[in-house]
Structure formats: structure tokens, C-alpha cells
């Protein structure tokens, strides 16, 4: 069910995330996809939600069987070679002190990655990410909202990180956001990844990447439908950027989004963070209001009722 509205823009709510990371996720080869996705959502997710210091924690699950027309072919821009992902994760903080608090305790989280993840690459965004437009009223999505969503990974064509980011953040993304076909435009322009300082420090998980993935950007896009997306790529508005894309981008690979799961927003655990993503969906589907009372939340958080 589509939950977008073209009458409002909720992008300002993301500005409270002062520091961010974007982590690419690849499941372990011999772990079946459904088992991986369930574990990530309902075991790993609630664990991460409880690490102190978090202001923002969102899992984006990606679909390997994707539409081949998510991003148009542009002469001179190749797909990343041998690049397959199962997800992307945002972990954000309201301050440097909050980030330090998280890092002091995050070994509890990273020790869990080896159970389901083959590779995780954490890209640092010390100046956070930017949402240029977001017409979705729901601030804490937990599932597939029926929109045509994707994450487009762009690899720089040169070593000038500042110029690469400037083209995307000052020319491409804001212009895309002005077009009514785009329901969401969010941009991540992380620092160059350094294989000599791999992140996150999770045991038995790969954190090494090839050179073409060291300086990248991630463009989050949402359309009403694949038809709206394909029509937009044929417009003059998009075609005007082809020269700039050829100048600054050497690689582009788009991944279809199968679901977005929000566990922490504005330093508060969501129902998915507290209970797990699927239990939260069940509670909402059945209208189980008794599961949302302060006494139940207190019992789940502390293992006991007040004054007991």
C-alpha cells in the first residue's frame, strides 16, 4: 500500500542525525536468504537497538532479483564488477559523545555479525547524510510500503572526493528532488574507505574492498511505480545530467529495495526495535493495543513491573 503524499515534505525530520554511517551488507553464502533476513530483522536488529548512544538505526533490505532498468545505462559508466548486496544499514548519532558511547559497547553487536554476514563495509559520514525530499508521512517504516524504491551506488571517476560529492549534492540530488516524480531523494557521500583501517571490526567477517568501491556515494530514490521511474529517466531533466555523470561517475549499480525497517528514531526505540520487526508487524496487523501499554513496555525493557 502506497503511503506517500505529494502535498508534504518530511525531509527536515532527518536533520537531527548529526553523524551517520552507511554499511553495505552481504549475507553468508551458505545461509539461506529467508533465514538471513529473519535473523537480521528479529535477532540482530533488536540487539543493535539496545546499544547505548544510538539516535538512528534503519535496515534497508535489497532484492537480488532486481528490475534490470532501475538505473539507465549511460555510455562510459560501467556497473561495479561482481557487486552483489543483500542490504544497507544506517546507524546515526545526535553527537560525537553519543557515537563514542556506542563505540564503547558495540563489540556486543559486532560479535553477532559472523552468524549471518559474509561482508560488512561501514562508510563513515561524519557530516551525516542529506534528505532532499521525503513525501512519506510514516517516519518509522517497518516493511514494504509498495513504492518503487532503490539504492543507487555510484563510484567516483576520479580521486577528487570533494568535487565528486559537490556534483551530487549541489547539482544532481537537489534537481531530482524538485521533480514531482521523485517521492524521496536521500544522498550519502561518505569519506573514502580505507582498507588499512577496516570497519566495522567484526570477527570472521570480510571488511576489505576493491579500489573502485573506496570512494562511492549512495543515492536513495523512490517513485510511485516502475512506470513513473522509466518515464522520468526519459525526461530532459534527467538527461541534462548525463555529461556530469560521465565526468564524475565511473561505476553505477542500482539495487531494488524489498523493505525498510526502522528500529531507532530520535534516540527512541520503535516497536520493531523493542520487539523485533515481524512481531511488531503482527501487533499492528491484529491491533493488539494491549501490547503497547506502559506496563508491558516496562516489563519487556526491565524484566519486571514498576515497584516489584
C-alpha atoms as a PDB file:
ATOM      1  CA  UNK A   1       0.000   0.000   0.000  1.00  0.00           C
ATOM      2  CA  UNK A   2       1.444   3.356  -1.021  1.00  0.00           C
ATOM      3  CA  UNK A   3       1.697   5.805   1.879  1.00  0.00           C
ATOM      4  CA  UNK A   4       3.128   8.783   0.043  1.00  0.00           C
ATOM      5  CA  UNK A   5       1.687  12.250  -0.260  1.00  0.00           C
ATOM      6  CA  UNK A   6       2.666  14.904  -2.765  1.00  0.00           C
ATOM      7  CA  UNK A   7       1.332  17.641  -0.502  1.00  0.00           C
ATOM      8  CA  UNK A   8       4.015  17.472   2.205  1.00  0.00           C
ATOM      9  CA  UNK A   9       7.758  17.131   2.562  1.00  0.00           C
ATOM     10  CA  UNK A  10       9.060  15.490   5.737  1.00  0.00           C
ATOM     11  CA  UNK A  11      12.776  15.704   4.919  1.00  0.00           C
ATOM     12  CA  UNK A  12      13.552  18.124   7.754  1.00  0.00           C
ATOM     13  CA  UNK A  13      12.996  15.411  10.378  1.00  0.00           C
ATOM     14  CA  UNK A  14      16.233  13.683   9.305  1.00  0.00           C
ATOM     15  CA  UNK A  15      18.372  16.747  10.057  1.00  0.00           C
ATOM     16  CA  UNK A  16      18.612  15.730  13.723  1.00  0.00           C
ATOM     17  CA  UNK A  17      21.062  12.990  12.710  1.00  0.00           C
ATOM     18  CA  UNK A  18      24.394  14.811  13.122  1.00  0.00           C
ATOM     19  CA  UNK A  19      26.700  11.862  12.340  1.00  0.00           C
ATOM     20  CA  UNK A  20      25.900   8.821  10.256  1.00  0.00           C
ATOM     21  CA  UNK A  21      27.348   5.616   8.839  1.00  0.00           C
ATOM     22  CA  UNK A  22      26.177   3.628   5.839  1.00  0.00           C
ATOM     23  CA  UNK A  23      27.131  -0.042   5.907  1.00  0.00           C
ATOM     24  CA  UNK A  24      26.791  -2.385   2.954  1.00  0.00           C
ATOM     25  CA  UNK A  25      25.746  -5.926   3.887  1.00  0.00           C
ATOM     26  CA  UNK A  26      26.335  -9.274   2.166  1.00  0.00           C
ATOM     27  CA  UNK A  27      24.897 -12.431   3.717  1.00  0.00           C
ATOM     28  CA  UNK A  28      26.972 -15.532   4.291  1.00  0.00           C
ATOM     29  CA  UNK A  29      26.993 -17.675   1.153  1.00  0.00           C
ATOM     30  CA  UNK A  30      25.634 -20.817   2.792  1.00  0.00           C
ATOM     31  CA  UNK A  31      22.941 -19.077   4.846  1.00  0.00           C
ATOM     32  CA  UNK A  32      19.569 -19.203   3.013  1.00  0.00           C
ATOM     33  CA  UNK A  33      18.214 -15.764   2.227  1.00  0.00           C
ATOM     34  CA  UNK A  34      14.993 -16.104   4.266  1.00  0.00           C
ATOM     35  CA  UNK A  35      16.925 -17.294   7.308  1.00  0.00           C
ATOM     36  CA  UNK A  36      19.391 -14.432   6.905  1.00  0.00           C
ATOM     37  CA  UNK A  37      16.650 -11.807   6.525  1.00  0.00           C
ATOM     38  CA  UNK A  38      14.714 -13.129   9.532  1.00  0.00           C
ATOM     39  CA  UNK A  39      17.806 -13.224  11.737  1.00  0.00           C
ATOM     40  CA  UNK A  40      18.861  -9.729  10.678  1.00  0.00           C
ATOM     41  CA  UNK A  41      15.413  -8.286  11.342  1.00  0.00           C
ATOM     42  CA  UNK A  42      14.402 -10.097  14.504  1.00  0.00           C
ATOM     43  CA  UNK A  43      17.649 -11.061  16.272  1.00  0.00           C
ATOM     44  CA  UNK A  44      20.422  -8.723  15.165  1.00  0.00           C
ATOM     45  CA  UNK A  45      18.115  -5.705  14.859  1.00  0.00           C
ATOM     46  CA  UNK A  46      16.780  -5.669  18.438  1.00  0.00           C
ATOM     47  CA  UNK A  47      20.317  -6.273  19.761  1.00  0.00           C
ATOM     48  CA  UNK A  48      21.651  -3.241  17.906  1.00  0.00           C
ATOM     49  CA  UNK A  49      18.684  -1.161  19.052  1.00  0.00           C
ATOM     50  CA  UNK A  50      19.741  -1.608  22.662  1.00  0.00           C
ATOM     51  CA  UNK A  51      23.348  -0.437  22.244  1.00  0.00           C
ATOM     52  CA  UNK A  52      23.564   2.922  24.093  1.00  0.00           C
ATOM     53  CA  UNK A  53      24.156   6.139  22.177  1.00  0.00           C
ATOM     54  CA  UNK A  54      22.065   5.372  19.103  1.00  0.00           C
ATOM     55  CA  UNK A  55      19.820   8.050  17.638  1.00  0.00           C
ATOM     56  CA  UNK A  56      19.015   6.357  14.336  1.00  0.00           C
ATOM     57  CA  UNK A  57      19.061   2.744  13.141  1.00  0.00           C
ATOM     58  CA  UNK A  58      17.483   1.643   9.857  1.00  0.00           C
ATOM     59  CA  UNK A  59      17.904  -1.586   7.903  1.00  0.00           C
ATOM     60  CA  UNK A  60      17.225  -1.476   4.165  1.00  0.00           C
ATOM     61  CA  UNK A  61      16.851  -4.943   2.659  1.00  0.00           C
ATOM     62  CA  UNK A  62      17.758  -5.288  -1.002  1.00  0.00           C
ATOM     63  CA  UNK A  63      16.427  -7.674  -3.630  1.00  0.00           C
ATOM     64  CA  UNK A  64      18.966  -9.568  -5.744  1.00  0.00           C
ATOM     65  CA  UNK A  65      16.303 -10.444  -8.339  1.00  0.00           C
ATOM     66  CA  UNK A  66      16.013  -6.800  -9.301  1.00  0.00           C
ATOM     67  CA  UNK A  67      14.467  -4.948 -12.193  1.00  0.00           C
ATOM     68  CA  UNK A  68      17.216  -4.502 -14.785  1.00  0.00           C
ATOM     69  CA  UNK A  69      16.050  -0.943 -15.528  1.00  0.00           C
ATOM     70  CA  UNK A  70      16.480   0.555 -12.065  1.00  0.00           C
ATOM     71  CA  UNK A  71      19.134   2.928 -13.378  1.00  0.00           C
ATOM     72  CA  UNK A  72      19.613   3.828 -17.058  1.00  0.00           C
ATOM     73  CA  UNK A  73      22.660   2.671 -18.976  1.00  0.00           C
ATOM     74  CA  UNK A  74      24.936   5.619 -19.731  1.00  0.00           C
ATOM     75  CA  UNK A  75      27.817   5.266 -22.147  1.00  0.00           C
ATOM     76  CA  UNK A  76      31.143   5.370 -20.318  1.00  0.00           C
ATOM     77  CA  UNK A  77      29.697   4.351 -16.943  1.00  0.00           C
ATOM     78  CA  UNK A  78      30.022   0.668 -16.057  1.00  0.00           C
ATOM     79  CA  UNK A  79      28.405  -1.441 -13.385  1.00  0.00           C
ATOM     80  CA  UNK A  80      30.591  -2.298 -10.407  1.00  0.00           C
ATOM     81  CA  UNK A  81      32.150  -5.686 -11.208  1.00  0.00           C
ATOM     82  CA  UNK A  82      30.997  -8.644  -9.102  1.00  0.00           C
ATOM     83  CA  UNK A  83      28.962  -6.390  -6.818  1.00  0.00           C
ATOM     84  CA  UNK A  84      26.031  -8.058  -5.054  1.00  0.00           C
ATOM     85  CA  UNK A  85      24.419  -6.845  -1.832  1.00  0.00           C
ATOM     86  CA  UNK A  86      21.669  -8.004   0.490  1.00  0.00           C
ATOM     87  CA  UNK A  87      21.220  -4.737   2.348  1.00  0.00           C
ATOM     88  CA  UNK A  88      22.360  -1.358   3.557  1.00  0.00           C
ATOM     89  CA  UNK A  89      22.311  -0.088   7.137  1.00  0.00           C
ATOM     90  CA  UNK A  90      22.254   3.410   8.584  1.00  0.00           C
ATOM     91  CA  UNK A  91      23.493   3.885  12.139  1.00  0.00           C
ATOM     92  CA  UNK A  92      23.340   7.518  13.222  1.00  0.00           C
ATOM     93  CA  UNK A  93      24.084   9.691  16.240  1.00  0.00           C
ATOM     94  CA  UNK A  94      22.993  13.048  17.590  1.00  0.00           C
ATOM     95  CA  UNK A  95      26.506  13.960  18.791  1.00  0.00           C
ATOM     96  CA  UNK A  96      30.141  12.816  18.870  1.00  0.00           C
ATOM     97  CA  UNK A  97      29.739  11.859  22.529  1.00  0.00           C
ATOM     98  CA  UNK A  98      26.799   9.617  21.676  1.00  0.00           C
ATOM     99  CA  UNK A  99      28.865   7.976  18.945  1.00  0.00           C
ATOM    100  CA  UNK A 100      31.673   7.324  21.433  1.00  0.00           C
ATOM    101  CA  UNK A 101      29.184   5.808  23.861  1.00  0.00           C
ATOM    102  CA  UNK A 102      28.011   3.464  21.107  1.00  0.00           C
ATOM    103  CA  UNK A 103      31.532   2.530  20.031  1.00  0.00           C
ATOM    104  CA  UNK A 104      32.499   1.635  23.608  1.00  0.00           C
ATOM    105  CA  UNK A 105      29.751  -1.007  23.657  1.00  0.00           C
ATOM    106  CA  UNK A 106      29.469  -2.043  20.001  1.00  0.00           C
ATOM    107  CA  UNK A 107      31.659  -5.149  20.378  1.00  0.00           C
ATOM    108  CA  UNK A 108      28.488  -6.841  21.638  1.00  0.00           C
ATOM    109  CA  UNK A 109      26.872  -6.120  18.265  1.00  0.00           C
ATOM    110  CA  UNK A 110      29.830  -6.843  16.011  1.00  0.00           C
ATOM    111  CA  UNK A 111      30.415 -10.237  17.631  1.00  0.00           C
ATOM    112  CA  UNK A 112      26.997 -11.226  16.248  1.00  0.00           C
ATOM    113  CA  UNK A 113      27.745 -10.378  12.601  1.00  0.00           C
ATOM    114  CA  UNK A 114      29.613 -13.624  11.909  1.00  0.00           C
ATOM    115  CA  UNK A 115      26.365 -15.585  12.310  1.00  0.00           C
ATOM    116  CA  UNK A 116      24.758 -14.156   9.184  1.00  0.00           C
ATOM    117  CA  UNK A 117      27.094 -11.726   7.387  1.00  0.00           C
ATOM    118  CA  UNK A 118      29.839 -12.564   4.899  1.00  0.00           C
ATOM    119  CA  UNK A 119      30.877  -8.951   4.391  1.00  0.00           C
ATOM    120  CA  UNK A 120      30.049  -5.621   6.001  1.00  0.00           C
ATOM    121  CA  UNK A 121      31.645  -2.338   4.901  1.00  0.00           C
ATOM    122  CA  UNK A 122      30.965   0.671   7.124  1.00  0.00           C
ATOM    123  CA  UNK A 123      31.358   4.002   5.317  1.00  0.00           C
ATOM    124  CA  UNK A 124      31.769   6.995   7.609  1.00  0.00           C
ATOM    125  CA  UNK A 125      29.576  10.081   7.207  1.00  0.00           C
ATOM    126  CA  UNK A 126      30.897  12.486   9.878  1.00  0.00           C
ATOM    127  CA  UNK A 127      28.717  15.261   8.463  1.00  0.00           C
ATOM    128  CA  UNK A 128      25.736  12.896   8.174  1.00  0.00           C
ATOM    129  CA  UNK A 129      23.585  12.301   5.095  1.00  0.00           C
ATOM    130  CA  UNK A 130      21.111  14.626   3.392  1.00  0.00           C
ATOM    131  CA  UNK A 131      17.446  14.044   2.658  1.00  0.00           C
ATOM    132  CA  UNK A 132      16.430  16.423  -0.136  1.00  0.00           C
ATOM    133  CA  UNK A 133      12.797  15.360  -0.258  1.00  0.00           C
ATOM    134  CA  UNK A 134      10.709  12.756   1.569  1.00  0.00           C
ATOM    135  CA  UNK A 135       6.977  12.656   0.912  1.00  0.00           C
ATOM    136  CA  UNK A 136       6.314   9.602   3.115  1.00  0.00           C
ATOM    137  CA  UNK A 137       4.362  10.509   6.231  1.00  0.00           C
ATOM    138  CA  UNK A 138       5.494   7.423   8.158  1.00  0.00           C
ATOM    139  CA  UNK A 139       8.740   8.278   9.989  1.00  0.00           C
ATOM    140  CA  UNK A 140       9.349   4.695  11.121  1.00  0.00           C
ATOM    141  CA  UNK A 141       8.545   2.293   8.253  1.00  0.00           C
ATOM    142  CA  UNK A 142       8.662  -1.415   9.023  1.00  0.00           C
ATOM    143  CA  UNK A 143       8.252  -3.339   5.778  1.00  0.00           C
ATOM    144  CA  UNK A 144       7.456  -2.849   2.106  1.00  0.00           C
ATOM    145  CA  UNK A 145       5.315   0.233   1.501  1.00  0.00           C
ATOM    146  CA  UNK A 146       4.575  -0.614  -2.127  1.00  0.00           C
ATOM    147  CA  UNK A 147       6.659   2.175  -3.634  1.00  0.00           C
ATOM    148  CA  UNK A 148       9.338   1.719  -6.283  1.00  0.00           C
ATOM    149  CA  UNK A 149      12.478   2.216  -4.173  1.00  0.00           C
ATOM    150  CA  UNK A 150      16.152   1.729  -4.903  1.00  0.00           C
ATOM    151  CA  UNK A 151      19.657   2.494  -3.692  1.00  0.00           C
ATOM    152  CA  UNK A 152      21.982   3.576  -6.493  1.00  0.00           C
ATOM    153  CA  UNK A 153      25.672   3.095  -5.689  1.00  0.00           C
ATOM    154  CA  UNK A 154      27.929   5.447  -7.616  1.00  0.00           C
ATOM    155  CA  UNK A 155      31.708   5.062  -7.867  1.00  0.00           C
ATOM    156  CA  UNK A 156      33.878   8.113  -8.456  1.00  0.00           C
ATOM    157  CA  UNK A 157      35.613   8.576 -11.812  1.00  0.00           C
ATOM    158  CA  UNK A 158      38.497  10.500 -10.222  1.00  0.00           C
ATOM    159  CA  UNK A 159      40.267  10.913  -6.880  1.00  0.00           C
ATOM    160  CA  UNK A 160      38.783  14.330  -6.028  1.00  0.00           C
ATOM    161  CA  UNK A 161      36.311  13.397  -3.285  1.00  0.00           C
ATOM    162  CA  UNK A 162      35.181  16.983  -2.733  1.00  0.00           C
ATOM    163  CA  UNK A 163      34.321  17.592  -6.404  1.00  0.00           C
ATOM    164  CA  UNK A 164      32.595  14.216  -6.658  1.00  0.00           C
ATOM    165  CA  UNK A 165      30.414  14.959  -3.633  1.00  0.00           C
ATOM    166  CA  UNK A 166      29.753  18.548  -4.744  1.00  0.00           C
ATOM    167  CA  UNK A 167      28.355  17.470  -8.115  1.00  0.00           C
ATOM    168  CA  UNK A 168      25.986  15.018  -6.459  1.00  0.00           C
ATOM    169  CA  UNK A 169      24.905  17.199  -3.527  1.00  0.00           C
ATOM    170  CA  UNK A 170      24.698  20.584  -5.253  1.00  0.00           C
ATOM    171  CA  UNK A 171      23.599  19.656  -8.773  1.00  0.00           C
ATOM    172  CA  UNK A 172      22.138  16.173  -9.219  1.00  0.00           C
ATOM    173  CA  UNK A 173      20.261  15.432  -5.966  1.00  0.00           C
ATOM    174  CA  UNK A 174      18.575  18.824  -5.415  1.00  0.00           C
ATOM    175  CA  UNK A 175      17.367  18.948  -9.011  1.00  0.00           C
ATOM    176  CA  UNK A 176      15.953  15.427  -8.802  1.00  0.00           C
ATOM    177  CA  UNK A 177      14.159  16.401  -5.586  1.00  0.00           C
ATOM    178  CA  UNK A 178      12.323  19.245  -7.347  1.00  0.00           C
ATOM    179  CA  UNK A 179      10.619  16.889  -9.779  1.00  0.00           C
ATOM    180  CA  UNK A 180       7.227  15.558  -8.587  1.00  0.00           C
ATOM    181  CA  UNK A 181       8.079  12.097  -9.925  1.00  0.00           C
ATOM    182  CA  UNK A 182      10.576  11.690  -7.089  1.00  0.00           C
ATOM    183  CA  UNK A 183       8.929  10.882  -3.755  1.00  0.00           C
ATOM    184  CA  UNK A 184      12.230  10.529  -1.926  1.00  0.00           C
ATOM    185  CA  UNK A 185      15.786  11.648  -2.622  1.00  0.00           C
ATOM    186  CA  UNK A 186      18.407  10.970   0.052  1.00  0.00           C
ATOM    187  CA  UNK A 187      22.147  11.184  -0.554  1.00  0.00           C
ATOM    188  CA  UNK A 188      25.087   9.633   1.271  1.00  0.00           C
ATOM    189  CA  UNK A 189      28.554  10.936   0.348  1.00  0.00           C
ATOM    190  CA  UNK A 190      30.871   9.140   2.781  1.00  0.00           C
ATOM    191  CA  UNK A 191      34.574   9.575   3.348  1.00  0.00           C
ATOM    192  CA  UNK A 192      36.894   7.400   1.285  1.00  0.00           C
ATOM    193  CA  UNK A 193      37.047   3.905   2.745  1.00  0.00           C
ATOM    194  CA  UNK A 194      40.471   2.776   3.962  1.00  0.00           C
ATOM    195  CA  UNK A 195      41.266  -0.934   3.800  1.00  0.00           C
ATOM    196  CA  UNK A 196      44.114  -0.320   6.259  1.00  0.00           C
ATOM    197  CA  UNK A 197      41.501   0.619   8.881  1.00  0.00           C
ATOM    198  CA  UNK A 198      38.671  -1.826   8.174  1.00  0.00           C
ATOM    199  CA  UNK A 199      35.238  -1.188   9.637  1.00  0.00           C
ATOM    200  CA  UNK A 200      33.271  -2.381  11.446  1.00  0.00           C
ATOM    201  CA  UNK A 201      35.693  -4.568  13.476  1.00  0.00           C
ATOM    202  CA  UNK A 202      33.596  -7.744  13.335  1.00  0.00           C
ATOM    203  CA  UNK A 203      35.417 -11.083  13.719  1.00  0.00           C
ATOM    204  CA  UNK A 204      35.276 -13.581  10.843  1.00  0.00           C
ATOM    205  CA  UNK A 205      33.586 -11.034   8.561  1.00  0.00           C
ATOM    206  CA  UNK A 206      35.228  -9.504   5.483  1.00  0.00           C
ATOM    207  CA  UNK A 207      35.883  -5.741   5.564  1.00  0.00           C
ATOM    208  CA  UNK A 208      38.181  -5.436   2.523  1.00  0.00           C
ATOM    209  CA  UNK A 209      37.018  -3.950  -0.782  1.00  0.00           C
ATOM    210  CA  UNK A 210      38.444  -3.357  -4.280  1.00  0.00           C
ATOM    211  CA  UNK A 211      39.690   0.124  -5.272  1.00  0.00           C
ATOM    212  CA  UNK A 212      36.573   1.066  -7.267  1.00  0.00           C
ATOM    213  CA  UNK A 213      34.451   0.847  -4.100  1.00  0.00           C
ATOM    214  CA  UNK A 214      36.663   3.023  -1.888  1.00  0.00           C
ATOM    215  CA  UNK A 215      35.150   6.362  -2.949  1.00  0.00           C
ATOM    216  CA  UNK A 216      31.437   5.981  -3.527  1.00  0.00           C
ATOM    217  CA  UNK A 217      28.115   7.704  -2.978  1.00  0.00           C
ATOM    218  CA  UNK A 218      24.695   6.197  -2.403  1.00  0.00           C
ATOM    219  CA  UNK A 219      21.594   7.804  -3.859  1.00  0.00           C
ATOM    220  CA  UNK A 220      18.260   6.688  -2.406  1.00  0.00           C
ATOM    221  CA  UNK A 221      15.332   7.175  -4.778  1.00  0.00           C
ATOM    222  CA  UNK A 222      11.622   6.411  -4.559  1.00  0.00           C
ATOM    223  CA  UNK A 223       8.942   6.604  -7.261  1.00  0.00           C
ATOM    224  CA  UNK A 224       5.256   5.729  -7.243  1.00  0.00           C
ATOM    225  CA  UNK A 225       5.878   2.861  -9.664  1.00  0.00           C
ATOM    226  CA  UNK A 226       8.359   1.434 -12.196  1.00  0.00           C
ATOM    227  CA  UNK A 227       6.332   3.184 -14.916  1.00  0.00           C
ATOM    228  CA  UNK A 228       6.909   6.565 -13.255  1.00  0.00           C
ATOM    229  CA  UNK A 229      10.596   5.776 -12.879  1.00  0.00           C
ATOM    230  CA  UNK A 230      11.112   4.761 -16.511  1.00  0.00           C
ATOM    231  CA  UNK A 231       9.221   7.817 -17.721  1.00  0.00           C
ATOM    232  CA  UNK A 232      11.369  10.116 -15.575  1.00  0.00           C
ATOM    233  CA  UNK A 233      14.625   8.709 -16.964  1.00  0.00           C
ATOM    234  CA  UNK A 234      13.415   9.728 -20.430  1.00  0.00           C
ATOM    235  CA  UNK A 235      12.881  13.364 -19.445  1.00  0.00           C
ATOM    236  CA  UNK A 236      15.130  16.284 -20.337  1.00  0.00           C
ATOM    237  CA  UNK A 237      15.566  16.966 -16.604  1.00  0.00           C
ATOM    238  CA  UNK A 238      17.437  13.706 -16.146  1.00  0.00           C
ATOM    239  CA  UNK A 239      19.249  13.758 -19.477  1.00  0.00           C
ATOM    240  CA  UNK A 240      20.819  17.131 -18.675  1.00  0.00           C
ATOM    241  CA  UNK A 241      22.971  15.369 -16.099  1.00  0.00           C
ATOM    242  CA  UNK A 242      24.466  12.756 -18.399  1.00  0.00           C
ATOM    243  CA  UNK A 243      27.572  14.832 -19.125  1.00  0.00           C
ATOM    244  CA  UNK A 244      28.142  15.491 -15.434  1.00  0.00           C
ATOM    245  CA  UNK A 245      27.618  11.846 -14.576  1.00  0.00           C
ATOM    246  CA  UNK A 246      30.164  10.799 -17.205  1.00  0.00           C
ATOM    247  CA  UNK A 247      32.663  13.293 -15.789  1.00  0.00           C
ATOM    248  CA  UNK A 248      32.346  12.320 -12.138  1.00  0.00           C
ATOM    249  CA  UNK A 249      30.989   8.757 -12.093  1.00  0.00           C
ATOM    250  CA  UNK A 250      32.782   5.668 -13.383  1.00  0.00           C
ATOM    251  CA  UNK A 251      30.539   2.978 -11.887  1.00  0.00           C
ATOM    252  CA  UNK A 252      26.828   2.751 -11.149  1.00  0.00           C
ATOM    253  CA  UNK A 253      24.887  -0.181  -9.758  1.00  0.00           C
ATOM    254  CA  UNK A 254      21.303   0.056  -8.549  1.00  0.00           C
ATOM    255  CA  UNK A 255      19.707  -2.262  -6.003  1.00  0.00           C
ATOM    256  CA  UNK A 256      15.962  -2.707  -5.572  1.00  0.00           C
ATOM    257  CA  UNK A 257      14.625  -2.208  -2.040  1.00  0.00           C
ATOM    258  CA  UNK A 258      12.448  -5.035  -0.704  1.00  0.00           C
ATOM    259  CA  UNK A 259      11.771  -3.482   2.714  1.00  0.00           C
ATOM    260  CA  UNK A 260      12.755  -0.719   5.144  1.00  0.00           C
ATOM    261  CA  UNK A 261      12.868  -1.471   8.870  1.00  0.00           C
ATOM    262  CA  UNK A 262      13.287   1.298  11.449  1.00  0.00           C
ATOM    263  CA  UNK A 263      14.493   0.322  14.914  1.00  0.00           C
ATOM    264  CA  UNK A 264      15.603   3.633  16.438  1.00  0.00           C
ATOM    265  CA  UNK A 265      14.445   7.150  15.569  1.00  0.00           C
ATOM    266  CA  UNK A 266      15.352  10.300  17.550  1.00  0.00           C
ATOM    267  CA  UNK A 267      17.028   8.185  20.267  1.00  0.00           C
ATOM    268  CA  UNK A 268      13.833   6.210  20.853  1.00  0.00           C
ATOM    269  CA  UNK A 269      13.386   2.523  20.123  1.00  0.00           C
ATOM    270  CA  UNK A 270      10.468   1.818  17.827  1.00  0.00           C
ATOM    271  CA  UNK A 271       8.153  -1.129  18.323  1.00  0.00           C
ATOM    272  CA  UNK A 272      10.378  -3.056  15.881  1.00  0.00           C
ATOM    273  CA  UNK A 273      13.411  -2.172  17.965  1.00  0.00           C
ATOM    274  CA  UNK A 274      11.768  -3.308  21.165  1.00  0.00           C
ATOM    275  CA  UNK A 275      10.066  -6.475  19.920  1.00  0.00           C
ATOM    276  CA  UNK A 276      11.631  -7.355  16.555  1.00  0.00           C
ATOM    277  CA  UNK A 277      10.374  -6.412  13.114  1.00  0.00           C
ATOM    278  CA  UNK A 278       7.986  -9.312  12.494  1.00  0.00           C
ATOM    279  CA  UNK A 279       6.431  -9.271  15.990  1.00  0.00           C
ATOM    280  CA  UNK A 280       5.884  -5.518  15.535  1.00  0.00           C
ATOM    281  CA  UNK A 281       4.096  -6.204  12.249  1.00  0.00           C
ATOM    282  CA  UNK A 282       1.889  -8.830  13.906  1.00  0.00           C
ATOM    283  CA  UNK A 283       0.966  -6.468  16.739  1.00  0.00           C
ATOM    284  CA  UNK A 284      -0.088  -3.778  14.271  1.00  0.00           C
ATOM    285  CA  UNK A 285      -1.934  -6.166  11.968  1.00  0.00           C
ATOM    286  CA  UNK A 286      -4.001  -7.550  14.844  1.00  0.00           C
ATOM    287  CA  UNK A 287      -4.478  -4.184  16.532  1.00  0.00           C
ATOM    288  CA  UNK A 288      -3.079  -5.619  19.756  1.00  0.00           C
ATOM    289  CA  UNK A 289      -3.157  -2.362  21.726  1.00  0.00           C
ATOM    290  CA  UNK A 290      -2.553  -4.206  24.989  1.00  0.00           C
ATOM    291  CA  UNK A 291       0.993  -4.890  23.727  1.00  0.00           C
ATOM    292  CA  UNK A 292       1.680  -1.130  23.647  1.00  0.00           C
ATOM    293  CA  UNK A 293       0.783  -0.231  27.235  1.00  0.00           C
ATOM    294  CA  UNK A 294       3.448   1.298  29.521  1.00  0.00           C
ATOM    295  CA  UNK A 295       3.297  -1.722  31.839  1.00  0.00           C
ATOM    296  CA  UNK A 296       4.057  -4.149  29.001  1.00  0.00           C
ATOM    297  CA  UNK A 297       6.882  -1.936  27.731  1.00  0.00           C
ATOM    298  CA  UNK A 298       8.321  -1.682  31.254  1.00  0.00           C
ATOM    299  CA  UNK A 299       8.169  -5.469  31.627  1.00  0.00           C
ATOM    300  CA  UNK A 300       9.950  -6.021  28.305  1.00  0.00           C
ATOM    301  CA  UNK A 301      12.612  -3.412  28.956  1.00  0.00           C
ATOM    302  CA  UNK A 302      13.385  -4.173  32.591  1.00  0.00           C
ATOM    303  CA  UNK A 303      12.131  -7.722  33.093  1.00  0.00           C
ATOM    304  CA  UNK A 304       9.860  -6.584  35.896  1.00  0.00           C
ATOM    305  CA  UNK A 305       6.980  -4.237  36.606  1.00  0.00           C
ATOM    306  CA  UNK A 306       7.450  -0.984  38.492  1.00  0.00           C
ATOM    307  CA  UNK A 307       7.516  -1.276  42.262  1.00  0.00           C
ATOM    308  CA  UNK A 308       8.035  -5.040  42.049  1.00  0.00           C
END
